[in-house]
N, C-alpha and C. Protein backbone atom coordinates (compact mmCIF):
# COMPACT_ATOMS: atom_id res chain seq x y z
N LEU A 1 106.09 116.92 130.90
CA LEU A 1 104.80 116.31 131.14
C LEU A 1 104.81 114.85 130.74
N ALA A 2 104.03 114.04 131.44
CA ALA A 2 103.94 112.62 131.13
C ALA A 2 103.41 112.40 129.72
N ARG A 3 102.57 113.32 129.24
CA ARG A 3 102.02 113.23 127.89
C ARG A 3 103.14 113.19 126.85
N ASP A 4 104.24 113.87 127.12
CA ASP A 4 105.32 114.02 126.15
C ASP A 4 106.31 112.87 126.15
N VAL A 5 106.33 112.04 127.18
CA VAL A 5 107.41 111.06 127.34
C VAL A 5 106.92 109.64 127.04
N SER A 6 107.74 108.89 126.32
CA SER A 6 107.46 107.48 126.04
C SER A 6 108.75 106.68 126.14
N LYS A 7 108.61 105.45 126.54
CA LYS A 7 109.76 104.55 126.54
C LYS A 7 109.97 104.07 125.11
N VAL A 8 111.16 104.26 124.58
CA VAL A 8 111.43 103.94 123.18
C VAL A 8 112.49 102.85 123.00
N HIS A 9 113.08 102.40 124.09
CA HIS A 9 114.05 101.31 124.01
C HIS A 9 113.89 100.43 125.23
N THR A 10 114.14 99.13 125.07
CA THR A 10 113.88 98.18 126.14
C THR A 10 114.84 98.26 127.31
N TYR A 11 116.11 98.63 127.10
CA TYR A 11 117.06 98.58 128.21
C TYR A 11 118.09 99.69 128.26
N ARG A 12 118.18 100.54 127.29
CA ARG A 12 119.19 101.60 127.31
C ARG A 12 118.98 102.58 128.46
N VAL A 13 120.06 103.23 128.86
CA VAL A 13 119.96 104.27 129.88
C VAL A 13 119.12 105.43 129.35
N ASP A 14 119.24 105.72 128.07
CA ASP A 14 118.45 106.79 127.44
C ASP A 14 117.21 106.20 126.77
N ALA A 15 116.48 105.37 127.52
CA ALA A 15 115.35 104.63 126.97
C ALA A 15 114.09 105.46 126.77
N PHE A 16 114.07 106.69 127.27
CA PHE A 16 112.87 107.53 127.16
C PHE A 16 113.11 108.67 126.18
N ASP A 17 112.03 109.08 125.51
CA ASP A 17 112.13 110.13 124.49
C ASP A 17 110.85 110.96 124.56
N SER A 18 110.98 112.23 124.21
CA SER A 18 109.80 113.09 124.23
C SER A 18 109.32 113.46 122.84
N GLY A 19 109.78 112.75 121.82
CA GLY A 19 109.25 112.90 120.47
C GLY A 19 109.23 114.32 119.97
N ASP A 20 108.09 114.75 119.43
CA ASP A 20 107.94 116.08 118.85
C ASP A 20 108.13 117.19 119.88
N ALA A 21 107.88 116.91 121.15
CA ALA A 21 108.00 117.94 122.18
C ALA A 21 109.46 118.35 122.38
N GLY A 22 110.38 117.45 122.05
CA GLY A 22 111.79 117.76 122.23
C GLY A 22 112.21 117.67 123.69
N ALA A 23 113.49 117.80 123.88
CA ALA A 23 114.03 117.70 125.23
C ALA A 23 113.66 118.93 126.05
N LEU A 24 113.44 118.72 127.32
CA LEU A 24 113.18 119.82 128.25
C LEU A 24 114.48 120.55 128.56
N GLY A 25 115.55 119.80 128.57
CA GLY A 25 116.86 120.38 128.86
C GLY A 25 117.91 119.29 128.86
N CYS A 26 119.09 119.63 129.34
CA CYS A 26 120.16 118.66 129.45
C CYS A 26 121.10 119.09 130.57
N VAL A 27 122.01 118.22 130.92
CA VAL A 27 123.03 118.54 131.90
C VAL A 27 124.33 118.74 131.15
N GLU A 28 124.90 119.92 131.30
CA GLU A 28 126.18 120.26 130.67
C GLU A 28 127.17 120.64 131.75
N GLU A 29 128.28 119.93 131.80
CA GLU A 29 129.33 120.23 132.78
C GLU A 29 128.76 120.31 134.19
N GLY A 30 127.82 119.42 134.49
CA GLY A 30 127.26 119.36 135.83
C GLY A 30 126.18 120.38 136.13
N HIS A 31 125.75 121.15 135.12
CA HIS A 31 124.72 122.16 135.33
C HIS A 31 123.52 121.90 134.42
N LEU A 32 122.33 122.18 134.94
CA LEU A 32 121.10 122.01 134.17
C LEU A 32 120.94 123.15 133.18
N ARG A 33 120.71 122.80 131.92
CA ARG A 33 120.44 123.79 130.88
C ARG A 33 119.05 123.49 130.32
N LEU A 34 118.09 124.39 130.58
CA LEU A 34 116.72 124.20 130.10
C LEU A 34 116.58 124.75 128.68
N PHE A 35 115.90 124.00 127.82
CA PHE A 35 115.61 124.44 126.45
C PHE A 35 114.25 125.10 126.35
N ARG A 36 113.37 124.79 127.29
CA ARG A 36 112.05 125.39 127.34
C ARG A 36 111.62 125.49 128.80
N ALA A 37 110.60 126.26 129.04
CA ALA A 37 110.18 126.52 130.41
C ALA A 37 109.73 125.26 131.12
N TRP A 38 110.11 125.17 132.35
CA TRP A 38 109.69 124.09 133.22
C TRP A 38 108.40 124.55 133.88
N VAL A 39 107.31 123.85 133.63
CA VAL A 39 106.02 124.26 134.19
C VAL A 39 105.89 123.62 135.56
N ALA A 40 105.97 124.44 136.57
CA ALA A 40 105.84 123.97 137.95
C ALA A 40 104.51 124.45 138.52
N PRO A 41 103.85 123.62 139.34
CA PRO A 41 102.59 124.06 139.94
C PRO A 41 102.84 125.16 140.97
N ASP A 42 101.83 125.98 141.19
CA ASP A 42 101.91 126.98 142.26
C ASP A 42 102.08 126.25 143.58
N ASN A 43 102.77 126.87 144.51
CA ASN A 43 102.99 126.22 145.82
C ASN A 43 101.69 125.93 146.55
N ASP A 44 100.67 126.78 146.33
CA ASP A 44 99.39 126.59 147.00
C ASP A 44 98.47 125.63 146.26
N ALA A 45 98.80 125.34 145.00
CA ALA A 45 97.92 124.50 144.19
C ALA A 45 98.17 123.03 144.46
N VAL A 46 97.09 122.25 144.43
CA VAL A 46 97.21 120.80 144.53
C VAL A 46 97.55 120.30 143.14
N PRO A 47 98.65 119.56 142.95
CA PRO A 47 99.07 119.15 141.61
C PRO A 47 98.27 117.99 141.02
N TYR A 48 97.19 117.60 141.66
CA TYR A 48 96.36 116.53 141.15
C TYR A 48 94.92 116.76 141.59
N ASP A 49 94.01 116.02 141.01
CA ASP A 49 92.60 116.11 141.36
C ASP A 49 92.35 115.15 142.52
N ALA A 50 92.25 115.68 143.72
CA ALA A 50 92.11 114.85 144.93
C ALA A 50 90.86 113.99 144.89
N ALA A 51 89.74 114.54 144.39
CA ALA A 51 88.49 113.77 144.33
C ALA A 51 88.63 112.60 143.36
N ALA A 52 89.28 112.84 142.22
CA ALA A 52 89.47 111.76 141.23
C ALA A 52 90.39 110.69 141.80
N LEU A 53 91.42 111.09 142.53
CA LEU A 53 92.33 110.12 143.14
C LEU A 53 91.59 109.27 144.16
N LEU A 54 90.71 109.88 144.95
CA LEU A 54 89.93 109.14 145.93
C LEU A 54 89.01 108.13 145.24
N ARG A 55 88.33 108.56 144.15
CA ARG A 55 87.47 107.63 143.40
C ARG A 55 88.27 106.45 142.88
N LEU A 56 89.46 106.72 142.38
CA LEU A 56 90.32 105.66 141.85
C LEU A 56 90.72 104.68 142.95
N ARG A 57 91.06 105.21 144.10
CA ARG A 57 91.48 104.35 145.22
C ARG A 57 90.32 103.50 145.74
N GLN A 58 89.09 104.03 145.67
CA GLN A 58 87.93 103.31 146.18
C GLN A 58 87.31 102.37 145.16
N ALA A 59 87.69 102.50 143.91
CA ALA A 59 87.11 101.67 142.85
C ALA A 59 87.52 100.21 143.03
N GLY A 60 86.59 99.34 142.73
CA GLY A 60 86.89 97.91 142.79
C GLY A 60 87.72 97.46 141.60
N GLY A 61 87.74 98.26 140.56
CA GLY A 61 88.50 97.95 139.36
C GLY A 61 88.26 99.03 138.32
N LEU A 62 89.04 99.00 137.31
CA LEU A 62 88.89 99.97 136.22
C LEU A 62 87.93 99.44 135.16
N PRO A 63 87.26 100.33 134.44
CA PRO A 63 86.38 99.88 133.36
C PRO A 63 87.16 99.10 132.30
N TRP A 64 86.50 98.15 131.65
CA TRP A 64 87.13 97.33 130.63
C TRP A 64 87.27 98.13 129.35
N VAL A 65 88.51 98.40 128.97
CA VAL A 65 88.85 99.10 127.73
C VAL A 65 89.93 98.28 127.04
N GLU A 66 89.72 97.98 125.76
CA GLU A 66 90.68 97.20 124.98
C GLU A 66 91.33 98.04 123.90
N LEU A 67 92.48 97.56 123.46
CA LEU A 67 93.23 98.14 122.34
C LEU A 67 93.07 97.24 121.13
N VAL A 68 92.74 97.82 119.98
CA VAL A 68 92.72 97.07 118.73
C VAL A 68 93.59 97.81 117.72
N VAL A 69 94.07 97.09 116.74
CA VAL A 69 94.99 97.67 115.77
C VAL A 69 94.41 97.56 114.37
N SER A 70 94.47 98.66 113.64
CA SER A 70 94.05 98.64 112.24
C SER A 70 95.24 98.17 111.40
N HIS A 71 94.96 97.30 110.44
CA HIS A 71 96.01 96.79 109.54
C HIS A 71 95.35 96.40 108.22
N ALA A 72 96.14 95.92 107.29
CA ALA A 72 95.67 95.68 105.92
C ALA A 72 94.43 94.80 105.84
N ASP A 73 94.33 93.72 106.63
CA ASP A 73 93.13 92.90 106.54
C ASP A 73 92.31 92.91 107.83
N ALA A 74 92.27 94.03 108.50
CA ALA A 74 91.47 94.16 109.72
C ALA A 74 89.99 94.13 109.34
N ASP A 75 89.34 92.99 109.60
CA ASP A 75 87.96 92.81 109.14
C ASP A 75 86.91 93.11 110.21
N GLY A 76 87.35 93.52 111.40
CA GLY A 76 86.41 93.84 112.46
C GLY A 76 86.02 92.66 113.33
N SER A 77 86.52 91.46 113.02
CA SER A 77 86.13 90.27 113.78
C SER A 77 86.59 90.35 115.24
N VAL A 78 87.71 90.99 115.50
CA VAL A 78 88.18 91.13 116.88
C VAL A 78 87.20 91.99 117.68
N VAL A 79 86.76 93.08 117.09
CA VAL A 79 85.80 93.97 117.76
C VAL A 79 84.49 93.22 118.01
N ARG A 80 84.03 92.50 117.01
CA ARG A 80 82.76 91.77 117.17
C ARG A 80 82.89 90.66 118.22
N ALA A 81 84.05 90.02 118.31
CA ALA A 81 84.28 89.00 119.34
C ALA A 81 84.28 89.64 120.73
N LEU A 82 84.87 90.81 120.86
CA LEU A 82 84.85 91.52 122.14
C LEU A 82 83.42 91.90 122.53
N LEU A 83 82.63 92.36 121.55
CA LEU A 83 81.24 92.71 121.82
C LEU A 83 80.43 91.48 122.24
N ALA A 84 80.67 90.35 121.58
CA ALA A 84 79.95 89.11 121.92
C ALA A 84 80.32 88.65 123.32
N HIS A 85 81.60 88.71 123.66
CA HIS A 85 82.04 88.32 124.99
C HIS A 85 81.42 89.24 126.04
N SER A 86 81.39 90.53 125.74
CA SER A 86 80.82 91.51 126.66
C SER A 86 79.33 91.23 126.88
N ALA A 87 78.61 90.91 125.81
CA ALA A 87 77.17 90.61 125.92
C ALA A 87 76.93 89.35 126.77
N ALA A 88 77.85 88.39 126.68
CA ALA A 88 77.71 87.15 127.43
C ALA A 88 78.11 87.31 128.89
N HIS A 89 78.79 88.41 129.21
CA HIS A 89 79.25 88.68 130.58
C HIS A 89 78.86 90.09 130.99
N PRO A 90 77.57 90.34 131.18
CA PRO A 90 77.12 91.71 131.47
C PRO A 90 77.62 92.26 132.80
N GLU A 91 78.16 91.40 133.67
CA GLU A 91 78.71 91.88 134.94
C GLU A 91 79.99 92.69 134.73
N ASN A 92 80.64 92.52 133.60
CA ASN A 92 81.86 93.27 133.29
C ASN A 92 81.82 93.66 131.80
N PRO A 93 81.00 94.65 131.45
CA PRO A 93 80.84 94.99 130.04
C PRO A 93 82.04 95.74 129.45
N LEU A 94 82.24 95.55 128.17
CA LEU A 94 83.23 96.33 127.44
C LEU A 94 82.75 97.77 127.43
N ARG A 95 83.58 98.70 127.92
CA ARG A 95 83.16 100.10 128.00
C ARG A 95 83.86 100.98 126.98
N GLY A 96 85.05 100.53 126.51
CA GLY A 96 85.77 101.38 125.58
C GLY A 96 86.73 100.61 124.69
N LEU A 97 87.02 101.21 123.54
CA LEU A 97 88.00 100.67 122.60
C LEU A 97 88.88 101.81 122.13
N VAL A 98 90.17 101.56 122.15
CA VAL A 98 91.12 102.48 121.54
C VAL A 98 91.67 101.77 120.33
N VAL A 99 91.55 102.40 119.18
CA VAL A 99 92.04 101.79 117.95
C VAL A 99 93.29 102.51 117.49
N ALA A 100 94.35 101.71 117.28
CA ALA A 100 95.62 102.24 116.79
C ALA A 100 95.59 102.19 115.27
N GLY A 101 95.38 103.34 114.67
CA GLY A 101 95.29 103.41 113.22
C GLY A 101 96.64 103.70 112.58
N THR A 102 96.68 103.63 111.29
CA THR A 102 97.91 103.95 110.56
C THR A 102 98.02 105.46 110.42
N GLY A 103 99.23 105.96 110.28
CA GLY A 103 99.45 107.38 110.05
C GLY A 103 98.62 108.28 110.94
N ASN A 104 97.73 109.03 110.35
CA ASN A 104 96.90 109.98 111.08
C ASN A 104 95.63 109.30 111.62
N GLY A 105 95.77 108.08 112.12
CA GLY A 105 94.63 107.37 112.69
C GLY A 105 93.70 106.78 111.65
N THR A 106 94.21 106.53 110.45
CA THR A 106 93.40 105.95 109.38
C THR A 106 93.03 104.52 109.73
N LEU A 107 91.77 104.15 109.45
CA LEU A 107 91.27 102.83 109.81
C LEU A 107 90.81 102.06 108.57
N HIS A 108 91.01 100.75 108.59
CA HIS A 108 90.48 99.88 107.55
C HIS A 108 88.96 100.01 107.58
N THR A 109 88.32 100.06 106.42
CA THR A 109 86.88 100.28 106.33
C THR A 109 86.08 99.23 107.10
N ALA A 110 86.46 97.96 106.98
CA ALA A 110 85.72 96.91 107.68
C ALA A 110 85.87 97.05 109.20
N LEU A 111 87.04 97.43 109.66
CA LEU A 111 87.25 97.66 111.08
C LEU A 111 86.42 98.85 111.54
N SER A 112 86.41 99.89 110.75
CA SER A 112 85.62 101.08 111.07
C SER A 112 84.14 100.73 111.22
N ASP A 113 83.63 99.87 110.34
CA ASP A 113 82.23 99.44 110.43
C ASP A 113 81.96 98.73 111.76
N ALA A 114 82.86 97.84 112.17
CA ALA A 114 82.71 97.13 113.44
C ALA A 114 82.79 98.10 114.62
N LEU A 115 83.66 99.09 114.51
CA LEU A 115 83.78 100.09 115.58
C LEU A 115 82.51 100.93 115.68
N LEU A 116 81.88 101.21 114.55
CA LEU A 116 80.59 101.92 114.56
C LEU A 116 79.52 101.09 115.27
N GLU A 117 79.55 99.76 115.07
CA GLU A 117 78.62 98.88 115.77
C GLU A 117 78.87 98.95 117.28
N ALA A 118 80.14 98.93 117.64
CA ALA A 118 80.50 99.02 119.06
C ALA A 118 80.02 100.35 119.65
N GLN A 119 80.26 101.42 118.92
CA GLN A 119 79.85 102.74 119.38
C GLN A 119 78.32 102.81 119.54
N ALA A 120 77.60 102.22 118.60
CA ALA A 120 76.13 102.21 118.66
C ALA A 120 75.63 101.43 119.87
N SER A 121 76.42 100.47 120.35
CA SER A 121 76.01 99.68 121.52
C SER A 121 76.44 100.33 122.83
N GLY A 122 77.02 101.53 122.74
CA GLY A 122 77.39 102.26 123.96
C GLY A 122 78.86 102.20 124.33
N VAL A 123 79.67 101.56 123.51
CA VAL A 123 81.11 101.48 123.77
C VAL A 123 81.77 102.75 123.24
N ARG A 124 82.57 103.40 124.07
CA ARG A 124 83.30 104.60 123.62
C ARG A 124 84.49 104.16 122.78
N VAL A 125 84.70 104.83 121.65
CA VAL A 125 85.78 104.50 120.72
C VAL A 125 86.66 105.74 120.56
N VAL A 126 87.97 105.54 120.64
CA VAL A 126 88.96 106.62 120.48
C VAL A 126 89.99 106.17 119.46
N ARG A 127 90.35 107.10 118.54
CA ARG A 127 91.38 106.82 117.52
C ARG A 127 92.73 107.36 117.98
N ALA A 128 93.75 106.53 117.82
CA ALA A 128 95.14 106.93 118.07
C ALA A 128 95.95 106.49 116.86
N SER A 129 97.24 106.76 116.90
CA SER A 129 98.11 106.37 115.80
C SER A 129 99.10 105.30 116.24
N ARG A 130 99.43 104.39 115.33
CA ARG A 130 100.47 103.40 115.58
C ARG A 130 101.86 104.03 115.50
N CYS A 131 101.96 105.20 114.90
CA CYS A 131 103.26 105.86 114.71
C CYS A 131 103.85 106.29 116.04
N ALA A 132 105.16 106.17 116.15
CA ALA A 132 105.86 106.52 117.39
C ALA A 132 105.86 108.03 117.63
N HIS A 133 105.86 108.82 116.59
CA HIS A 133 105.89 110.27 116.74
C HIS A 133 104.75 110.89 115.95
N GLY A 134 104.34 112.07 116.35
CA GLY A 134 103.23 112.74 115.72
C GLY A 134 101.94 112.40 116.44
N ARG A 135 100.87 113.04 116.02
CA ARG A 135 99.58 112.83 116.67
C ARG A 135 98.48 112.72 115.63
N VAL A 136 97.36 112.16 116.02
CA VAL A 136 96.19 112.12 115.15
C VAL A 136 95.59 113.52 115.18
N LEU A 137 95.46 114.13 114.03
CA LEU A 137 94.91 115.48 113.96
C LEU A 137 93.39 115.41 114.04
N ALA A 138 92.83 116.31 114.82
CA ALA A 138 91.37 116.37 114.97
C ALA A 138 90.75 116.67 113.61
N ASN A 139 89.62 116.05 113.35
CA ASN A 139 88.95 116.22 112.07
C ASN A 139 87.44 116.15 112.34
N SER A 140 86.73 117.19 111.96
CA SER A 140 85.28 117.22 112.24
C SER A 140 84.52 116.13 111.48
N ALA A 141 85.11 115.60 110.41
CA ALA A 141 84.44 114.55 109.64
C ALA A 141 84.76 113.15 110.18
N ALA A 142 85.64 113.05 111.17
CA ALA A 142 86.04 111.75 111.71
C ALA A 142 84.87 111.08 112.42
N LEU A 143 84.77 109.78 112.28
CA LEU A 143 83.69 109.02 112.92
C LEU A 143 83.93 108.83 114.42
N PHE A 144 85.20 108.92 114.83
CA PHE A 144 85.57 108.68 116.22
C PHE A 144 86.49 109.79 116.69
N PRO A 145 86.41 110.19 117.95
CA PRO A 145 87.29 111.24 118.45
C PRO A 145 88.74 110.78 118.48
N ASP A 146 89.65 111.75 118.37
CA ASP A 146 91.08 111.42 118.40
C ASP A 146 91.58 111.36 119.85
N SER A 147 92.77 110.87 120.01
CA SER A 147 93.34 110.63 121.34
C SER A 147 94.04 111.85 121.94
N ALA A 148 93.88 113.01 121.32
CA ALA A 148 94.48 114.26 121.84
C ALA A 148 95.99 114.14 121.99
N GLY A 149 96.61 113.44 121.06
CA GLY A 149 98.07 113.33 121.07
C GLY A 149 98.62 112.19 121.89
N LEU A 150 97.77 111.43 122.55
CA LEU A 150 98.25 110.31 123.35
C LEU A 150 98.51 109.08 122.48
N SER A 151 99.50 108.31 122.87
CA SER A 151 99.76 107.03 122.21
C SER A 151 98.58 106.11 122.51
N PRO A 152 98.44 105.01 121.76
CA PRO A 152 97.32 104.09 122.05
C PRO A 152 97.31 103.59 123.50
N VAL A 153 98.47 103.28 124.05
CA VAL A 153 98.53 102.77 125.42
C VAL A 153 98.12 103.85 126.42
N LYS A 154 98.61 105.07 126.24
CA LYS A 154 98.23 106.16 127.13
C LYS A 154 96.76 106.52 126.95
N ALA A 155 96.26 106.47 125.71
CA ALA A 155 94.86 106.77 125.44
C ALA A 155 93.95 105.75 126.13
N ARG A 156 94.38 104.50 126.21
CA ARG A 156 93.59 103.47 126.90
C ARG A 156 93.45 103.82 128.38
N ILE A 157 94.54 104.20 128.99
CA ILE A 157 94.49 104.56 130.41
C ILE A 157 93.62 105.80 130.61
N ALA A 158 93.79 106.80 129.74
CA ALA A 158 93.00 108.02 129.85
C ALA A 158 91.50 107.71 129.69
N LEU A 159 91.15 106.82 128.77
CA LEU A 159 89.75 106.46 128.57
C LEU A 159 89.21 105.69 129.78
N MET A 160 90.00 104.80 130.35
CA MET A 160 89.58 104.08 131.54
C MET A 160 89.25 105.07 132.67
N LEU A 161 90.12 106.03 132.86
CA LEU A 161 89.91 107.03 133.92
C LEU A 161 88.70 107.90 133.62
N ALA A 162 88.54 108.29 132.36
CA ALA A 162 87.39 109.12 131.97
C ALA A 162 86.08 108.35 132.19
N LEU A 163 86.08 107.07 131.90
CA LEU A 163 84.87 106.26 132.07
C LEU A 163 84.51 106.08 133.55
N MET A 164 85.48 106.20 134.43
CA MET A 164 85.20 106.11 135.87
C MET A 164 84.36 107.29 136.34
N GLU A 165 84.45 108.40 135.62
CA GLU A 165 83.71 109.60 136.01
C GLU A 165 82.25 109.51 135.58
N ASN A 166 81.93 108.59 134.68
CA ASN A 166 80.55 108.46 134.18
C ASN A 166 79.77 107.48 135.01
């Protein structure tokens, strides 16, 4: 699945990795050896959402979603600057923010406060992790939903597509 694969090196032949999911299989002596089941769609099933694909093709553009990163002195000024720019340009409003937190999606308190302001103004906020492997674990006490195991970059694309449905 695309969810499991990430590019982990800039130019190597083995530049892709599936992290915690592990390898699907390998080629040994010219033969495919599967380590886990290959999930193939039914022959009669459409392997994609045709209506969603049509909406995407007809869209004039994708909703504006930005990536921000939590770090030691993340004071929220980047989020507030994005909100100010969005307010000054209502023809293309900021619709979403994906925040790359440390470890299990932990966020600097000041950044979290700015993200709450964004959320209160109608901007969807999603937490992801800066870590290359592992996922942000769902937590009912979390202020923002997790990325369901997606990297920050993949979570941004997923949020853009989800916002097209609204």
